[in-house]
PDB file of all heavy atoms in Angstrom:
ATOM      1  N   PHE A   1       0.836  -1.210   0.000  1.00  0.00           N
ATOM      2  CA  PHE A   1       0.000   0.000   0.000  1.00  0.00           C
ATOM      3  C   PHE A   1       0.867   1.255   0.000  1.00  0.00           C
ATOM      4  O   PHE A   1       0.549   2.241  -0.671  1.00  0.00           O
ATOM      5  CB  PHE A   1      -0.926  -0.007   1.218  1.00  0.00           C
ATOM      6  CG  PHE A   1      -1.789   1.219   1.314  1.00  0.00           C
ATOM      7  CD1 PHE A   1      -2.912   1.360   0.504  1.00  0.00           C
ATOM      8  CD2 PHE A   1      -1.483   2.241   2.212  1.00  0.00           C
ATOM      9  CE1 PHE A   1      -3.706   2.494   0.582  1.00  0.00           C
ATOM     10  CE2 PHE A   1      -2.271   3.372   2.294  1.00  0.00           C
ATOM     11  CZ  PHE A   1      -3.393   3.500   1.481  1.00  0.00           C
ATOM     12  N   ALA A   2       1.970   1.207   0.741  1.00  0.00           N
ATOM     13  CA  ALA A   2       2.845   2.378   0.831  1.00  0.00           C
ATOM     14  C   ALA A   2       3.707   2.560  -0.416  1.00  0.00           C
ATOM     15  O   ALA A   2       3.934   3.685  -0.861  1.00  0.00           O
ATOM     16  CB  ALA A   2       3.743   2.264   2.066  1.00  0.00           C
ATOM     17  N   ALA A   3       4.183   1.444  -0.986  1.00  0.00           N
ATOM     18  CA  ALA A   3       5.130   1.538  -2.094  1.00  0.00           C
ATOM     19  C   ALA A   3       4.470   1.461  -3.471  1.00  0.00           C
ATOM     20  O   ALA A   3       4.865   2.180  -4.387  1.00  0.00           O
ATOM     21  CB  ALA A   3       6.181   0.426  -1.973  1.00  0.00           C
ATOM     22  N   ARG A   4       3.487   0.590  -3.634  1.00  0.00           N
ATOM     23  CA  ARG A   4       2.814   0.412  -4.929  1.00  0.00           C
ATOM     24  C   ARG A   4       1.318   0.223  -4.719  1.00  0.00           C
ATOM     25  O   ARG A   4       0.775  -0.867  -4.888  1.00  0.00           O
ATOM     26  CB  ARG A   4       3.384  -0.817  -5.657  1.00  0.00           C
ATOM     27  CG  ARG A   4       4.848  -0.747  -6.036  1.00  0.00           C
ATOM     28  CD  ARG A   4       5.093   0.206  -7.198  1.00  0.00           C
ATOM     29  NE  ARG A   4       6.444   0.030  -7.719  1.00  0.00           N
ATOM     30  CZ  ARG A   4       7.516   0.574  -7.175  1.00  0.00           C
ATOM     31  NH1 ARG A   4       7.390   1.328  -6.087  1.00  0.00           N
ATOM     32  NH2 ARG A   4       8.718   0.381  -7.711  1.00  0.00           N
ATOM     33  N   PRO A   5       0.606   1.264  -4.332  1.00  0.00           N
ATOM     34  CA  PRO A   5      -0.836   1.111  -4.061  1.00  0.00           C
ATOM     35  C   PRO A   5      -1.635   0.623  -5.259  1.00  0.00           C
ATOM     36  O   PRO A   5      -2.671  -0.024  -5.104  1.00  0.00           O
ATOM     37  CB  PRO A   5      -1.262   2.520  -3.637  1.00  0.00           C
ATOM     38  CG  PRO A   5      -0.199   3.428  -4.167  1.00  0.00           C
ATOM     39  CD  PRO A   5       1.073   2.641  -4.144  1.00  0.00           C
ATOM     40  N   GLN A   6      -1.140   0.903  -6.473  1.00  0.00           N
ATOM     41  CA  GLN A   6      -1.864   0.453  -7.666  1.00  0.00           C
ATOM     42  C   GLN A   6      -1.877  -1.068  -7.804  1.00  0.00           C
ATOM     43  O   GLN A   6      -2.724  -1.635  -8.492  1.00  0.00           O
ATOM     44  CB  GLN A   6      -1.256   1.084  -8.927  1.00  0.00           C
ATOM     45  CG  GLN A   6       0.160   0.640  -9.242  1.00  0.00           C
ATOM     46  CD  GLN A   6       1.211   1.482  -8.540  1.00  0.00           C
ATOM     47  OE1 GLN A   6       0.911   2.162  -7.571  1.00  0.00           O
ATOM     48  NE2 GLN A   6       2.436   1.450  -9.060  1.00  0.00           N
ATOM     49  N   MET A   7      -0.955  -1.750  -7.115  1.00  0.00           N
ATOM     50  CA  MET A   7      -0.899  -3.210  -7.199  1.00  0.00           C
ATOM     51  C   MET A   7      -1.941  -3.879  -6.316  1.00  0.00           C
ATOM     52  O   MET A   7      -2.101  -5.101  -6.372  1.00  0.00           O
ATOM     53  CB  MET A   7       0.493  -3.703  -6.809  1.00  0.00           C
ATOM     54  CG  MET A   7       1.592  -3.236  -7.752  1.00  0.00           C
ATOM     55  SD  MET A   7       3.208  -3.958  -7.390  1.00  0.00           S
ATOM     56  CE  MET A   7       2.937  -5.653  -7.888  1.00  0.00           C
ATOM     57  N   LEU A   8      -2.637  -3.111  -5.488  1.00  0.00           N
ATOM     58  CA  LEU A   8      -3.673  -3.687  -4.640  1.00  0.00           C
ATOM     59  C   LEU A   8      -5.012  -3.795  -5.362  1.00  0.00           C
ATOM     60  O   LEU A   8      -6.024  -4.095  -4.745  1.00  0.00           O
ATOM     61  CB  LEU A   8      -3.825  -2.843  -3.362  1.00  0.00           C
ATOM     62  CG  LEU A   8      -2.617  -2.880  -2.421  1.00  0.00           C
ATOM     63  CD1 LEU A   8      -2.850  -1.990  -1.211  1.00  0.00           C
ATOM     64  CD2 LEU A   8      -2.331  -4.302  -1.974  1.00  0.00           C
ATOM     65  N   ASN A   9      -4.994  -3.556  -6.651  1.00  0.00           N
ATOM     66  CA  ASN A   9      -6.175  -3.768  -7.474  1.00  0.00           C
ATOM     67  C   ASN A   9      -6.565  -5.244  -7.449  1.00  0.00           C
ATOM     68  O   ASN A   9      -5.712  -6.130  -7.488  1.00  0.00           O
ATOM     69  CB  ASN A   9      -5.877  -3.314  -8.909  1.00  0.00           C
ATOM     70  CG  ASN A   9      -7.047  -3.521  -9.844  1.00  0.00           C
ATOM     71  OD1 ASN A   9      -7.272  -4.630 -10.329  1.00  0.00           O
ATOM     72  ND2 ASN A   9      -7.789  -2.463 -10.089  1.00  0.00           N
ATOM     73  N   ALA A  10      -7.874  -5.510  -7.370  1.00  0.00           N
ATOM     74  CA  ALA A  10      -8.351  -6.892  -7.241  1.00  0.00           C
ATOM     75  C   ALA A  10      -7.907  -7.766  -8.407  1.00  0.00           C
ATOM     76  O   ALA A  10      -7.550  -8.938  -8.224  1.00  0.00           O
ATOM     77  CB  ALA A  10      -9.879  -6.900  -7.124  1.00  0.00           C
ATOM     78  N   ASN A  11      -7.909  -7.220  -9.627  1.00  0.00           N
ATOM     79  CA  ASN A  11      -7.495  -8.005 -10.791  1.00  0.00           C
ATOM     80  C   ASN A  11      -6.018  -8.360 -10.724  1.00  0.00           C
ATOM     81  O   ASN A  11      -5.619  -9.485 -11.042  1.00  0.00           O
ATOM     82  CB  ASN A  11      -7.781  -7.233 -12.075  1.00  0.00           C
ATOM     83  CG  ASN A  11      -9.268  -7.116 -12.357  1.00  0.00           C
ATOM     84  OD1 ASN A  11     -10.036  -8.014 -12.024  1.00  0.00           O
ATOM     85  ND2 ASN A  11      -9.672  -6.016 -12.957  1.00  0.00           N
ATOM     86  N   VAL A  12      -5.199  -7.396 -10.285  1.00  0.00           N
ATOM     87  CA  VAL A  12      -3.760  -7.642 -10.176  1.00  0.00           C
ATOM     88  C   VAL A  12      -3.478  -8.674  -9.089  1.00  0.00           C
ATOM     89  O   VAL A  12      -2.704  -9.614  -9.280  1.00  0.00           O
ATOM     90  CB  VAL A  12      -3.003  -6.331  -9.876  1.00  0.00           C
ATOM     91  CG1 VAL A  12      -1.520  -6.602  -9.652  1.00  0.00           C
ATOM     92  CG2 VAL A  12      -3.190  -5.336 -11.020  1.00  0.00           C
ATOM     93  N   LEU A  13      -4.123  -8.499  -7.939  1.00  0.00           N
ATOM     94  CA  LEU A  13      -3.917  -9.447  -6.843  1.00  0.00           C
ATOM     95  C   LEU A  13      -4.381 -10.844  -7.234  1.00  0.00           C
ATOM     96  O   LEU A  13      -3.779 -11.848  -6.831  1.00  0.00           O
ATOM     97  CB  LEU A  13      -4.667  -8.974  -5.598  1.00  0.00           C
ATOM     98  CG  LEU A  13      -4.141  -7.706  -4.916  1.00  0.00           C
ATOM     99  CD1 LEU A  13      -4.971  -7.387  -3.682  1.00  0.00           C
ATOM    100  CD2 LEU A  13      -2.674  -7.858  -4.526  1.00  0.00           C
ATOM    101  N   GLY A  14      -5.468 -10.916  -8.005  1.00  0.00           N
ATOM    102  CA  GLY A  14      -5.974 -12.214  -8.443  1.00  0.00           C
ATOM    103  C   GLY A  14      -4.951 -12.973  -9.270  1.00  0.00           C
ATOM    104  O   GLY A  14      -4.824 -14.199  -9.146  1.00  0.00           O
ATOM    105  N   VAL A  15      -4.199 -12.245 -10.104  1.00  0.00           N
ATOM    106  CA  VAL A  15      -3.168 -12.881 -10.930  1.00  0.00           C
ATOM    107  C   VAL A  15      -2.063 -13.446 -10.045  1.00  0.00           C
ATOM    108  O   VAL A  15      -1.603 -14.576 -10.242  1.00  0.00           O
ATOM    109  CB  VAL A  15      -2.582 -11.866 -11.933  1.00  0.00           C
ATOM    110  CG1 VAL A  15      -1.376 -12.469 -12.657  1.00  0.00           C
ATOM    111  CG2 VAL A  15      -3.643 -11.448 -12.940  1.00  0.00           C
ATOM    112  N   PHE A  16      -1.626 -12.661  -9.043  1.00  0.00           N
ATOM    113  CA  PHE A  16      -0.570 -13.133  -8.151  1.00  0.00           C
ATOM    114  C   PHE A  16      -1.029 -14.337  -7.320  1.00  0.00           C
ATOM    115  O   PHE A  16      -0.295 -15.320  -7.171  1.00  0.00           O
ATOM    116  CB  PHE A  16      -0.120 -12.008  -7.212  1.00  0.00           C
ATOM    117  CG  PHE A  16       0.647 -10.916  -7.902  1.00  0.00           C
ATOM    118  CD1 PHE A  16       0.303  -9.590  -7.719  1.00  0.00           C
ATOM    119  CD2 PHE A  16       1.701 -11.222  -8.736  1.00  0.00           C
ATOM    120  CE1 PHE A  16       1.008  -8.588  -8.349  1.00  0.00           C
ATOM    121  CE2 PHE A  16       2.416 -10.216  -9.379  1.00  0.00           C
ATOM    122  CZ  PHE A  16       2.069  -8.896  -9.194  1.00  0.00           C
ATOM    123  N   VAL A  17      -2.232 -14.245  -6.782  1.00  0.00           N
ATOM    124  CA  VAL A  17      -2.730 -15.320  -5.922  1.00  0.00           C
ATOM    125  C   VAL A  17      -2.942 -16.593  -6.725  1.00  0.00           C
ATOM    126  O   VAL A  17      -2.683 -17.701  -6.235  1.00  0.00           O
ATOM    127  CB  VAL A  17      -4.036 -14.882  -5.224  1.00  0.00           C
ATOM    128  CG1 VAL A  17      -4.657 -16.045  -4.455  1.00  0.00           C
ATOM    129  CG2 VAL A  17      -3.765 -13.714  -4.277  1.00  0.00           C
ATOM    130  N   ARG A  18      -3.377 -16.448  -7.976  1.00  0.00           N
ATOM    131  CA  ARG A  18      -3.606 -17.624  -8.823  1.00  0.00           C
ATOM    132  C   ARG A  18      -2.342 -18.459  -8.975  1.00  0.00           C
ATOM    133  O   ARG A  18      -2.410 -19.690  -9.049  1.00  0.00           O
ATOM    134  CB  ARG A  18      -4.109 -17.170 -10.192  1.00  0.00           C
ATOM    135  CG  ARG A  18      -4.480 -18.308 -11.124  1.00  0.00           C
ATOM    136  CD  ARG A  18      -4.969 -17.788 -12.454  1.00  0.00           C
ATOM    137  NE  ARG A  18      -3.947 -17.015 -13.141  1.00  0.00           N
ATOM    138  CZ  ARG A  18      -4.105 -16.493 -14.359  1.00  0.00           C
ATOM    139  NH1 ARG A  18      -5.254 -16.645 -14.991  1.00  0.00           N
ATOM    140  NH2 ARG A  18      -3.137 -15.799 -14.925  1.00  0.00           N
ATOM    141  N   GLN A  19      -1.179 -17.806  -8.974  1.00  0.00           N
ATOM    142  CA  GLN A  19       0.077 -18.525  -9.175  1.00  0.00           C
ATOM    143  C   GLN A  19       0.444 -19.424  -7.992  1.00  0.00           C
ATOM    144  O   GLN A  19       1.230 -20.358  -8.148  1.00  0.00           O
ATOM    145  CB  GLN A  19       1.217 -17.528  -9.440  1.00  0.00           C
ATOM    146  CG  GLN A  19       1.019 -16.656 -10.659  1.00  0.00           C
ATOM    147  CD  GLN A  19       0.778 -17.462 -11.928  1.00  0.00           C
ATOM    148  OE1 GLN A  19       1.468 -18.449 -12.203  1.00  0.00           O
ATOM    149  NE2 GLN A  19      -0.211 -17.055 -12.710  1.00  0.00           N
ATOM    150  N   VAL A  20      -0.092 -19.142  -6.802  1.00  0.00           N
ATOM    151  CA  VAL A  20       0.268 -19.949  -5.632  1.00  0.00           C
ATOM    152  C   VAL A  20      -0.802 -20.983  -5.289  1.00  0.00           C
ATOM    153  O   VAL A  20      -0.702 -21.650  -4.261  1.00  0.00           O
ATOM    154  CB  VAL A  20       0.544 -19.060  -4.392  1.00  0.00           C
ATOM    155  CG1 VAL A  20       1.713 -18.137  -4.646  1.00  0.00           C
ATOM    156  CG2 VAL A  20      -0.692 -18.272  -3.969  1.00  0.00           C
ATOM    157  N   VAL A  21      -1.811 -21.120  -6.142  1.00  0.00           N
ATOM    158  CA  VAL A  21      -2.869 -22.100  -5.870  1.00  0.00           C
ATOM    159  C   VAL A  21      -2.320 -23.526  -5.749  1.00  0.00           C
ATOM    160  O   VAL A  21      -2.711 -24.258  -4.836  1.00  0.00           O
ATOM    161  CB  VAL A  21      -3.979 -22.012  -6.939  1.00  0.00           C
ATOM    162  CG1 VAL A  21      -4.944 -23.186  -6.817  1.00  0.00           C
ATOM    163  CG2 VAL A  21      -4.748 -20.697  -6.784  1.00  0.00           C
ATOM    164  N   PRO A  22      -1.394 -23.967  -6.640  1.00  0.00           N
ATOM    165  CA  PRO A  22      -0.834 -25.320  -6.445  1.00  0.00           C
ATOM    166  C   PRO A  22      -0.184 -25.493  -5.078  1.00  0.00           C
ATOM    167  O   PRO A  22      -0.353 -26.528  -4.428  1.00  0.00           O
ATOM    168  CB  PRO A  22       0.194 -25.439  -7.580  1.00  0.00           C
ATOM    169  CG  PRO A  22      -0.301 -24.509  -8.628  1.00  0.00           C
ATOM    170  CD  PRO A  22      -0.894 -23.354  -7.894  1.00  0.00           C
ATOM    171  N   LEU A  23       0.552 -24.479  -4.640  1.00  0.00           N
ATOM    172  CA  LEU A  23       1.154 -24.527  -3.306  1.00  0.00           C
ATOM    173  C   LEU A  23       0.071 -24.590  -2.237  1.00  0.00           C
ATOM    174  O   LEU A  23       0.180 -25.365  -1.271  1.00  0.00           O
ATOM    175  CB  LEU A  23       2.045 -23.300  -3.087  1.00  0.00           C
ATOM    176  CG  LEU A  23       2.610 -23.106  -1.675  1.00  0.00           C
ATOM    177  CD1 LEU A  23       3.477 -24.289  -1.262  1.00  0.00           C
ATOM    178  CD2 LEU A  23       3.396 -21.799  -1.591  1.00  0.00           C
ATOM    179  N   GLY A  24      -0.974 -23.802  -2.382  1.00  0.00           N
ATOM    180  CA  GLY A  24      -2.059 -23.796  -1.400  1.00  0.00           C
ATOM    181  C   GLY A  24      -2.738 -25.141  -1.267  1.00  0.00           C
ATOM    182  O   GLY A  24      -3.078 -25.574  -0.162  1.00  0.00           O
ATOM    183  N   ILE A  25      -2.930 -25.822  -2.399  1.00  0.00           N
ATOM    184  CA  ILE A  25      -3.564 -27.143  -2.356  1.00  0.00           C
ATOM    185  C   ILE A  25      -2.625 -28.165  -1.727  1.00  0.00           C
ATOM    186  O   ILE A  25      -3.043 -29.020  -0.937  1.00  0.00           O
ATOM    187  CB  ILE A  25      -3.986 -27.575  -3.770  1.00  0.00           C
ATOM    188  CG1 ILE A  25      -5.056 -26.612  -4.317  1.00  0.00           C
ATOM    189  CG2 ILE A  25      -4.521 -29.002  -3.767  1.00  0.00           C
ATOM    190  CD1 ILE A  25      -5.429 -26.851  -5.762  1.00  0.00           C
ATOM    191  N   LEU A  26      -1.334 -28.072  -2.064  1.00  0.00           N
ATOM    192  CA  LEU A  26      -0.357 -28.983  -1.466  1.00  0.00           C
ATOM    193  C   LEU A  26      -0.290 -28.786   0.049  1.00  0.00           C
ATOM    194  O   LEU A  26      -0.109 -29.749   0.804  1.00  0.00           O
ATOM    195  CB  LEU A  26       1.015 -28.753  -2.095  1.00  0.00           C
ATOM    196  CG  LEU A  26       2.075 -29.842  -1.866  1.00  0.00           C
ATOM    197  CD1 LEU A  26       1.633 -31.158  -2.489  1.00  0.00           C
ATOM    198  CD2 LEU A  26       3.417 -29.402  -2.439  1.00  0.00           C
ATOM    199  N   VAL A  27      -0.460 -27.563   0.502  1.00  0.00           N
ATOM    200  CA  VAL A  27      -0.447 -27.256   1.942  1.00  0.00           C
ATOM    201  C   VAL A  27      -1.585 -27.969   2.666  1.00  0.00           C
ATOM    202  O   VAL A  27      -1.441 -28.376   3.819  1.00  0.00           O
ATOM    203  CB  VAL A  27      -0.512 -25.730   2.161  1.00  0.00           C
ATOM    204  CG1 VAL A  27      -0.960 -25.385   3.582  1.00  0.00           C
ATOM    205  CG2 VAL A  27       0.850 -25.103   1.894  1.00  0.00           C
ATOM    206  N   LEU A  28      -2.721 -28.147   2.003  1.00  0.00           N
ATOM    207  CA  LEU A  28      -3.847 -28.833   2.631  1.00  0.00           C
ATOM    208  C   LEU A  28      -3.479 -30.269   3.011  1.00  0.00           C
ATOM    209  O   LEU A  28      -3.894 -30.773   4.060  1.00  0.00           O
ATOM    210  CB  LEU A  28      -5.057 -28.837   1.695  1.00  0.00           C
ATOM    211  CG  LEU A  28      -5.674 -27.467   1.399  1.00  0.00           C
ATOM    212  CD1 LEU A  28      -6.808 -27.604   0.391  1.00  0.00           C
ATOM    213  CD2 LEU A  28      -6.181 -26.812   2.672  1.00  0.00           C
ATOM    214  N   GLY A  29      -2.702 -30.926   2.167  1.00  0.00           N
ATOM    215  CA  GLY A  29      -2.227 -32.269   2.505  1.00  0.00           C
ATOM    216  C   GLY A  29      -1.133 -32.222   3.552  1.00  0.00           C
ATOM    217  O   GLY A  29      -1.096 -33.068   4.457  1.00  0.00           O
ATOM    218  N   GLN A  30      -0.256 -31.222   3.441  1.00  0.00           N
ATOM    219  CA  GLN A  30       0.843 -31.113   4.396  1.00  0.00           C
ATOM    220  C   GLN A  30       0.351 -30.851   5.814  1.00  0.00           C
ATOM    221  O   GLN A  30       0.830 -31.451   6.778  1.00  0.00           O
ATOM    222  CB  GLN A  30       1.786 -29.980   3.960  1.00  0.00           C
ATOM    223  CG  GLN A  30       3.131 -29.975   4.665  1.00  0.00           C
ATOM    224  CD  GLN A  30       3.967 -31.176   4.284  1.00  0.00           C
ATOM    225  OE1 GLN A  30       4.074 -32.133   5.044  1.00  0.00           O
ATOM    226  NE2 GLN A  30       4.558 -31.139   3.091  1.00  0.00           N
ATOM    227  N   LEU A  31      -0.623 -29.965   5.955  1.00  0.00           N
ATOM    228  CA  LEU A  31      -1.123 -29.663   7.307  1.00  0.00           C
ATOM    229  C   LEU A  31      -1.812 -30.874   7.917  1.00  0.00           C
ATOM    230  O   LEU A  31      -1.797 -31.070   9.141  1.00  0.00           O
ATOM    231  CB  LEU A  31      -2.047 -28.444   7.284  1.00  0.00           C
ATOM    232  CG  LEU A  31      -3.433 -28.536   6.625  1.00  0.00           C
ATOM    233  CD1 LEU A  31      -4.498 -29.044   7.578  1.00  0.00           C
ATOM    234  CD2 LEU A  31      -3.845 -27.157   6.095  1.00  0.00           C
ATOM    235  N   LEU A  32      -2.391 -31.709   7.048  1.00  0.00           N
ATOM    236  CA  LEU A  32      -3.077 -32.900   7.545  1.00  0.00           C
ATOM    237  C   LEU A  32      -2.083 -33.893   8.131  1.00  0.00           C
ATOM    238  O   LEU A  32      -2.287 -34.406   9.246  1.00  0.00           O
ATOM    239  CB  LEU A  32      -3.880 -33.534   6.408  1.00  0.00           C
ATOM    240  CG  LEU A  32      -4.826 -34.682   6.770  1.00  0.00           C
ATOM    241  CD1 LEU A  32      -5.819 -34.246   7.832  1.00  0.00           C
ATOM    242  CD2 LEU A  32      -5.551 -35.170   5.523  1.00  0.00           C
ATOM    243  N   VAL A  33      -0.991 -34.174   7.417  1.00  0.00           N
ATOM    244  CA  VAL A  33      -0.021 -35.143   7.938  1.00  0.00           C
ATOM    245  C   VAL A  33       0.764 -34.564   9.107  1.00  0.00           C
ATOM    246  O   VAL A  33       1.135 -35.291  10.035  1.00  0.00           O
ATOM    247  CB  VAL A  33       0.934 -35.637   6.829  1.00  0.00           C
ATOM    248  CG1 VAL A  33       0.179 -36.427   5.787  1.00  0.00           C
ATOM    249  CG2 VAL A  33       1.689 -34.485   6.171  1.00  0.00           C
ATOM    250  N   MET A  34       0.999 -33.258   9.094  1.00  0.00           N
ATOM    251  CA  MET A  34       1.697 -32.653  10.224  1.00  0.00           C
ATOM    252  C   MET A  34       0.835 -32.659  11.479  1.00  0.00           C
ATOM    253  O   MET A  34       1.355 -32.724  12.599  1.00  0.00           O
ATOM    254  CB  MET A  34       2.153 -31.236   9.871  1.00  0.00           C
ATOM    255  CG  MET A  34       3.337 -31.222   8.905  1.00  0.00           C
ATOM    256  SD  MET A  34       3.899 -29.564   8.434  1.00  0.00           S
ATOM    257  CE  MET A  34       4.539 -28.955   9.990  1.00  0.00           C
ATOM    258  N   ARG A  35      -0.472 -32.613  11.295  1.00  0.00           N
ATOM    259  CA  ARG A  35      -1.370 -32.693  12.453  1.00  0.00           C
ATOM    260  C   ARG A  35      -1.279 -34.064  13.132  1.00  0.00           C
ATOM    261  O   ARG A  35      -1.590 -34.186  14.321  1.00  0.00           O
ATOM    262  CB  ARG A  35      -2.809 -32.425  12.026  1.00  0.00           C
ATOM    263  CG  ARG A  35      -3.146 -30.973  11.722  1.00  0.00           C
ATOM    264  CD  ARG A  35      -3.207 -30.128  12.976  1.00  0.00           C
ATOM    265  NE  ARG A  35      -4.203 -30.614  13.912  1.00  0.00           N
ATOM    266  CZ  ARG A  35      -5.488 -30.280  13.885  1.00  0.00           C
ATOM    267  NH1 ARG A  35      -5.943 -29.454  12.964  1.00  0.00           N
ATOM    268  NH2 ARG A  35      -6.317 -30.769  14.788  1.00  0.00           N
ATOM    269  N   VAL A  36      -0.892 -35.102  12.386  1.00  0.00           N
ATOM    270  CA  VAL A  36      -0.721 -36.435  12.990  1.00  0.00           C
ATOM    271  C   VAL A  36       0.756 -36.729  13.218  1.00  0.00           C
ATOM    272  O   VAL A  36       1.195 -37.883  13.225  1.00  0.00           O
ATOM    273  CB  VAL A  36      -1.381 -37.547  12.140  1.00  0.00           C
ATOM    274  CG1 VAL A  36      -2.880 -37.371  12.100  1.00  0.00           C
ATOM    275  CG2 VAL A  36      -0.794 -37.590  10.737  1.00  0.00           C
ATOM    276  N   LYS A  37       1.553 -35.672  13.355  1.00  0.00           N
ATOM    277  CA  LYS A  37       2.979 -35.763  13.682  1.00  0.00           C
ATOM    278  C   LYS A  37       3.780 -36.504  12.622  1.00  0.00           C
ATOM    279  O   LYS A  37       4.653 -37.313  12.933  1.00  0.00           O
ATOM    280  CB  LYS A  37       3.168 -36.404  15.055  1.00  0.00           C
ATOM    281  CG  LYS A  37       2.496 -35.627  16.184  1.00  0.00           C
ATOM    282  CD  LYS A  37       2.826 -36.183  17.543  1.00  0.00           C
ATOM    283  CE  LYS A  37       2.194 -35.319  18.649  1.00  0.00           C
ATOM    284  NZ  LYS A  37       2.543 -35.793  19.999  1.00  0.00           N
ATOM    285  N   SER A  38       3.473 -36.222  11.351  1.00  0.00           N
ATOM    286  CA  SER A  38       4.226 -36.799  10.249  1.00  0.00           C
ATOM    287  C   SER A  38       4.574 -35.672   9.282  1.00  0.00           C
ATOM    288  O   SER A  38       4.415 -34.488   9.610  1.00  0.00           O
ATOM    289  CB  SER A  38       3.396 -37.891   9.562  1.00  0.00           C
ATOM    290  OG  SER A  38       4.183 -38.608   8.637  1.00  0.00           O
ATOM    291  N   ILE A  39       5.059 -36.033   8.113  1.00  0.00           N
ATOM    292  CA  ILE A  39       5.414 -35.038   7.100  1.00  0.00           C
ATOM    293  C   ILE A  39       5.419 -35.724   5.748  1.00  0.00           C
ATOM    294  O   ILE A  39       5.585 -36.954   5.654  1.00  0.00           O
ATOM    295  CB  ILE A  39       6.794 -34.405   7.417  1.00  0.00           C
ATOM    296  CG1 ILE A  39       6.977 -33.082   6.669  1.00  0.00           C
ATOM    297  CG2 ILE A  39       7.927 -35.384   7.099  1.00  0.00           C
ATOM    298  CD1 ILE A  39       8.172 -32.284   7.144  1.00  0.00           C
TER     299      ILE A  39
END
C-alpha cells in the first residue's frame, strides 16, 4: 500500500494469488499429515 498502491487492485492481486494455488492445495495435505505428527 505504501510503495505500490496500484498493485492492490483486485485483478492484479488475483493474478498473483492464482500462481500460488498449487502450493495452497499442497499445503492442505501437508497440514493434515503434520497434524498427525508426520510429514
